[in-house]
Amino acid sequence: MAVRVLGIDPGLTRCGVGVVDVEGNRSARLVDVTVLRSAPDLPLEQRLLLLSQGLEEMLDRHRPQFIAIERVFAQHNVRTVMGTAQISGVALLLAAQRGLPVTLHTPSEVKAAITGYGAADKKQVGTMVARILGLTEIPKPADAADALALAICHAWRTGASGGTLPTVASVKAATVTTGALTPAQRAWRAAERGSAPEVSAVPRSLKR
């Protein structure tokens, strides 16, 4: 049975929100993705209000079963950390109001789950997200790809969809017949070989 996960890449100026359906065999399908924005010159309370309204709209429209948010981590830019923490708090509150379970994932956890490498760069993450979801192009801006990566990571790492996190070894051990592999396994194998898998057109939601 598929589970629906909404991933949030928190930020005051740009907040990525991605929704995916993930099956027990780890195959994933894009439902929707967007990047919510607020102008830096607006008062903080107005920025949080705008973003919260956008998050509420996505939550109410897609009704996810799980919420995945990037965990705030220490860095030199205190202002950025504060903004990320503030919008994360808003997202946590909205999830609690709807009785939705929330899991925080670190950037390294997401990178490891999606690419198999905890220090992967944004391009590598975006490329794998596109392959896993069968898209013809990487979701842009990077906040969109990161939000989708968070949602996929949650389903894979926690086994929420009934599956388990794929490993390089498990993919190599899979049958040589490509048609017998799941979409996620085909994407994983293609990424290892540096080739592009069969993909479909980018949904309209990516063309916003």
Protein backbone atom coordinates (compact mmCIF):
# COMPACT_ATOMS: atom_id res chain seq x y z
CA MET A 1 0.00 0.00 0.00
CA ALA A 2 1.33 3.43 -0.92
CA VAL A 3 1.90 6.09 1.71
CA ARG A 4 1.83 9.82 1.08
CA VAL A 5 4.65 11.88 2.56
CA LEU A 6 5.01 15.65 2.52
CA GLY A 7 8.59 16.89 2.75
CA ILE A 8 9.51 20.39 3.85
CA ASP A 9 12.85 22.09 3.19
CA PRO A 10 12.36 25.04 5.60
CA GLY A 11 13.46 28.56 4.82
CA LEU A 12 12.04 32.06 5.23
CA THR A 13 12.81 33.31 1.74
CA ARG A 14 12.24 29.99 -0.02
CA CYS A 15 10.49 27.02 1.57
CA GLY A 16 10.40 23.87 -0.54
CA VAL A 17 7.35 21.61 -0.20
CA GLY A 18 7.15 18.26 -1.99
CA VAL A 19 4.55 15.49 -1.86
CA VAL A 20 5.21 11.93 -3.01
CA ASP A 21 3.41 8.59 -2.91
CA VAL A 22 5.76 5.71 -2.10
CA GLU A 23 4.93 2.02 -2.56
CA GLY A 24 6.18 -0.89 -0.47
CA ASN A 25 8.65 -1.78 -3.24
CA ARG A 26 10.19 1.71 -2.78
CA SER A 27 8.94 3.04 -6.10
CA ALA A 28 7.90 6.67 -5.75
CA ARG A 29 5.52 8.94 -7.66
CA LEU A 30 5.46 12.72 -7.68
CA VAL A 31 2.18 14.19 -6.44
CA ASP A 32 3.06 17.87 -6.22
CA VAL A 33 5.96 20.19 -5.52
CA THR A 34 6.24 23.92 -5.01
CA VAL A 35 8.46 26.54 -3.42
CA LEU A 36 6.74 28.99 -1.07
CA ARG A 37 8.32 32.44 -0.94
CA SER A 38 8.28 35.52 1.27
CA ALA A 39 9.99 38.84 0.61
CA PRO A 40 12.92 39.68 2.92
CA ASP A 41 11.67 43.24 3.39
CA LEU A 42 8.38 42.11 4.98
CA PRO A 43 8.00 42.07 8.78
CA LEU A 44 8.90 38.66 10.22
CA GLU A 45 5.35 37.95 11.39
CA GLN A 46 3.99 38.62 7.89
CA ARG A 47 6.57 36.32 6.33
CA LEU A 48 5.64 33.52 8.70
CA LEU A 49 1.95 34.10 8.01
CA LEU A 50 2.44 33.88 4.24
CA LEU A 51 4.43 30.68 4.48
CA SER A 52 2.04 29.11 6.98
CA GLN A 53 -0.87 29.79 4.63
CA GLY A 54 1.00 28.08 1.81
CA LEU A 55 1.83 25.08 4.00
CA GLU A 56 -1.78 24.82 5.15
CA GLU A 57 -2.99 24.81 1.56
CA MET A 58 -0.64 21.97 0.63
CA LEU A 59 -1.54 19.98 3.75
CA ASP A 60 -5.27 20.34 3.26
CA ARG A 61 -5.18 19.69 -0.48
CA HIS A 62 -2.98 16.59 -0.46
CA ARG A 63 -3.70 15.16 3.02
CA PRO A 64 -0.34 13.43 3.61
CA GLN A 65 0.02 10.66 6.18
CA PHE A 66 3.53 11.68 7.26
CA ILE A 67 5.52 14.91 7.43
CA ALA A 68 9.30 15.03 6.96
CA ILE A 69 11.23 18.21 7.81
CA GLU A 70 14.93 18.93 7.46
CA ARG A 71 16.48 19.13 10.89
CA VAL A 72 17.99 22.51 11.77
CA PHE A 73 21.73 22.23 12.21
CA ALA A 74 24.36 24.65 13.50
CA GLN A 75 26.17 26.86 11.04
CA HIS A 76 27.93 30.22 11.05
CA ASN A 77 25.01 32.17 9.59
CA VAL A 78 22.85 32.70 12.69
CA ARG A 79 20.20 34.62 10.76
CA THR A 80 19.69 31.70 8.38
CA VAL A 81 19.49 29.23 11.27
CA MET A 82 16.90 31.38 13.05
CA GLY A 83 14.74 31.68 9.94
CA THR A 84 14.92 27.95 9.31
CA ALA A 85 14.02 27.20 12.93
CA GLN A 86 11.09 29.63 12.87
CA ILE A 87 9.43 28.17 9.78
CA SER A 88 10.17 24.65 11.06
CA GLY A 89 8.24 25.57 14.21
CA VAL A 90 5.30 26.73 12.10
CA ALA A 91 5.34 23.45 10.15
CA LEU A 92 5.49 21.41 13.37
CA LEU A 93 2.51 23.31 14.77
CA LEU A 94 0.43 22.81 11.61
CA ALA A 95 1.22 19.09 11.60
CA ALA A 96 0.29 18.75 15.28
CA GLN A 97 -3.03 20.50 14.68
CA ARG A 98 -3.85 17.81 12.10
CA GLY A 99 -2.56 14.94 14.17
CA LEU A 100 0.16 14.12 11.64
CA PRO A 101 3.39 12.40 12.73
CA VAL A 102 6.53 14.44 12.02
CA THR A 103 10.10 13.19 11.60
CA LEU A 104 13.17 15.42 11.36
CA HIS A 105 15.95 14.22 9.05
CA THR A 106 19.46 15.68 8.86
CA PRO A 107 20.87 16.69 5.46
CA SER A 108 23.38 13.83 5.69
CA GLU A 109 20.61 11.28 6.29
CA VAL A 110 18.71 12.53 3.26
CA LYS A 111 21.79 12.51 1.03
CA ALA A 112 22.74 9.00 2.13
CA ALA A 113 19.22 7.69 1.55
CA ILE A 114 18.85 9.24 -1.90
CA THR A 115 22.36 8.91 -3.32
CA GLY A 116 24.09 6.40 -1.06
CA TYR A 117 26.62 9.11 -0.12
CA GLY A 118 26.15 11.34 2.93
CA ALA A 119 28.28 14.17 1.52
CA ALA A 120 26.62 14.36 -1.92
CA ASP A 121 26.12 17.83 -3.39
CA LYS A 122 22.79 19.36 -4.38
CA LYS A 123 23.20 18.45 -8.04
CA GLN A 124 23.71 14.79 -7.18
CA VAL A 125 20.66 14.81 -4.92
CA GLY A 126 18.56 16.54 -7.57
CA THR A 127 19.69 14.11 -10.26
CA MET A 128 18.73 11.10 -8.16
CA VAL A 129 15.38 12.63 -7.20
CA ALA A 130 14.58 13.08 -10.88
CA ARG A 131 15.59 9.49 -11.64
CA ILE A 132 13.66 8.01 -8.74
CA LEU A 133 10.51 9.90 -9.71
CA GLY A 134 10.97 9.32 -13.44
CA LEU A 135 11.24 13.01 -14.36
CA THR A 136 12.87 14.38 -17.49
CA GLU A 137 14.57 17.19 -15.58
CA ILE A 138 15.72 18.05 -12.07
CA PRO A 139 13.08 19.93 -10.04
CA LYS A 140 14.11 23.56 -9.63
CA PRO A 141 15.02 25.51 -7.64
CA ALA A 142 17.08 23.24 -5.39
CA ASP A 143 14.60 23.78 -2.54
CA ALA A 144 12.00 21.82 -4.54
CA ALA A 145 14.33 18.88 -5.14
CA ASP A 146 15.41 18.92 -1.48
CA ALA A 147 11.79 18.78 -0.28
CA LEU A 148 11.08 15.78 -2.51
CA ALA A 149 14.29 14.11 -1.33
CA LEU A 150 13.14 14.55 2.28
CA ALA A 151 9.80 12.89 1.53
CA ILE A 152 11.41 9.94 -0.27
CA CYS A 153 14.06 9.61 2.43
CA HIS A 154 11.40 9.39 5.12
CA ALA A 155 9.50 6.58 3.42
CA TRP A 156 12.67 4.63 2.70
CA ARG A 157 14.50 5.11 6.01
CA THR A 158 11.54 4.56 8.32
CA GLY A 159 9.90 1.82 6.28
CA ALA A 160 6.66 3.83 6.40
CA SER A 161 5.62 2.40 3.04
CA GLY A 162 6.47 -1.14 4.09
CA GLY A 163 9.80 -1.18 2.28
CA THR A 164 13.40 -0.82 3.39
CA LEU A 165 16.23 1.46 2.41
CA PRO A 166 17.97 0.11 -0.72
CA THR A 167 21.72 -0.37 -0.61
CA VAL A 168 24.29 -0.59 -3.37
CA ALA A 169 24.80 -4.25 -2.51
CA SER A 170 21.09 -5.07 -2.68
CA VAL A 171 20.75 -3.44 -6.08
CA LYS A 172 23.79 -5.27 -7.46
CA ALA A 173 22.38 -8.54 -6.15
CA ALA A 174 19.03 -7.95 -7.88
CA THR A 175 18.21 -9.90 -10.99
CA VAL A 176 20.00 -8.80 -14.15
CA THR A 177 16.70 -8.50 -15.98
CA THR A 178 15.87 -4.78 -15.86
CA GLY A 179 12.15 -5.45 -16.21
CA ALA A 180 12.19 -7.39 -12.93
CA LEU A 181 13.55 -4.45 -10.96
CA THR A 182 11.37 -1.87 -9.23
CA PRO A 183 11.50 1.70 -10.58
CA ALA A 184 13.57 2.76 -7.56
CA GLN A 185 16.02 -0.09 -8.14
CA ARG A 186 16.32 0.75 -11.84
CA ALA A 187 17.02 4.39 -10.94
CA TRP A 188 19.62 3.32 -8.39
CA ARG A 189 21.37 1.02 -10.87
CA ALA A 190 21.26 3.66 -13.63
CA ALA A 191 22.80 6.22 -11.27
CA GLU A 192 25.64 3.85 -10.47
CA ARG A 193 26.34 3.28 -14.14
CA GLY A 194 26.02 6.97 -14.95
CA SER A 195 23.22 6.39 -17.46
CA ALA A 196 19.77 7.88 -17.58
CA PRO A 197 16.77 5.58 -17.03
CA GLU A 198 13.54 5.76 -18.95
CA VAL A 199 11.67 8.83 -17.81
CA SER A 200 8.33 10.44 -18.33
CA ALA A 201 7.33 14.04 -18.91
CA VAL A 202 7.63 16.51 -16.05
CA PRO A 203 4.22 17.04 -14.37
CA ARG A 204 2.65 20.47 -14.61
CA SER A 205 3.29 21.07 -10.92
CA LEU A 206 7.01 21.43 -11.68
CA LYS A 207 6.40 24.18 -14.23
CA ARG A 208 5.17 26.75 -11.76
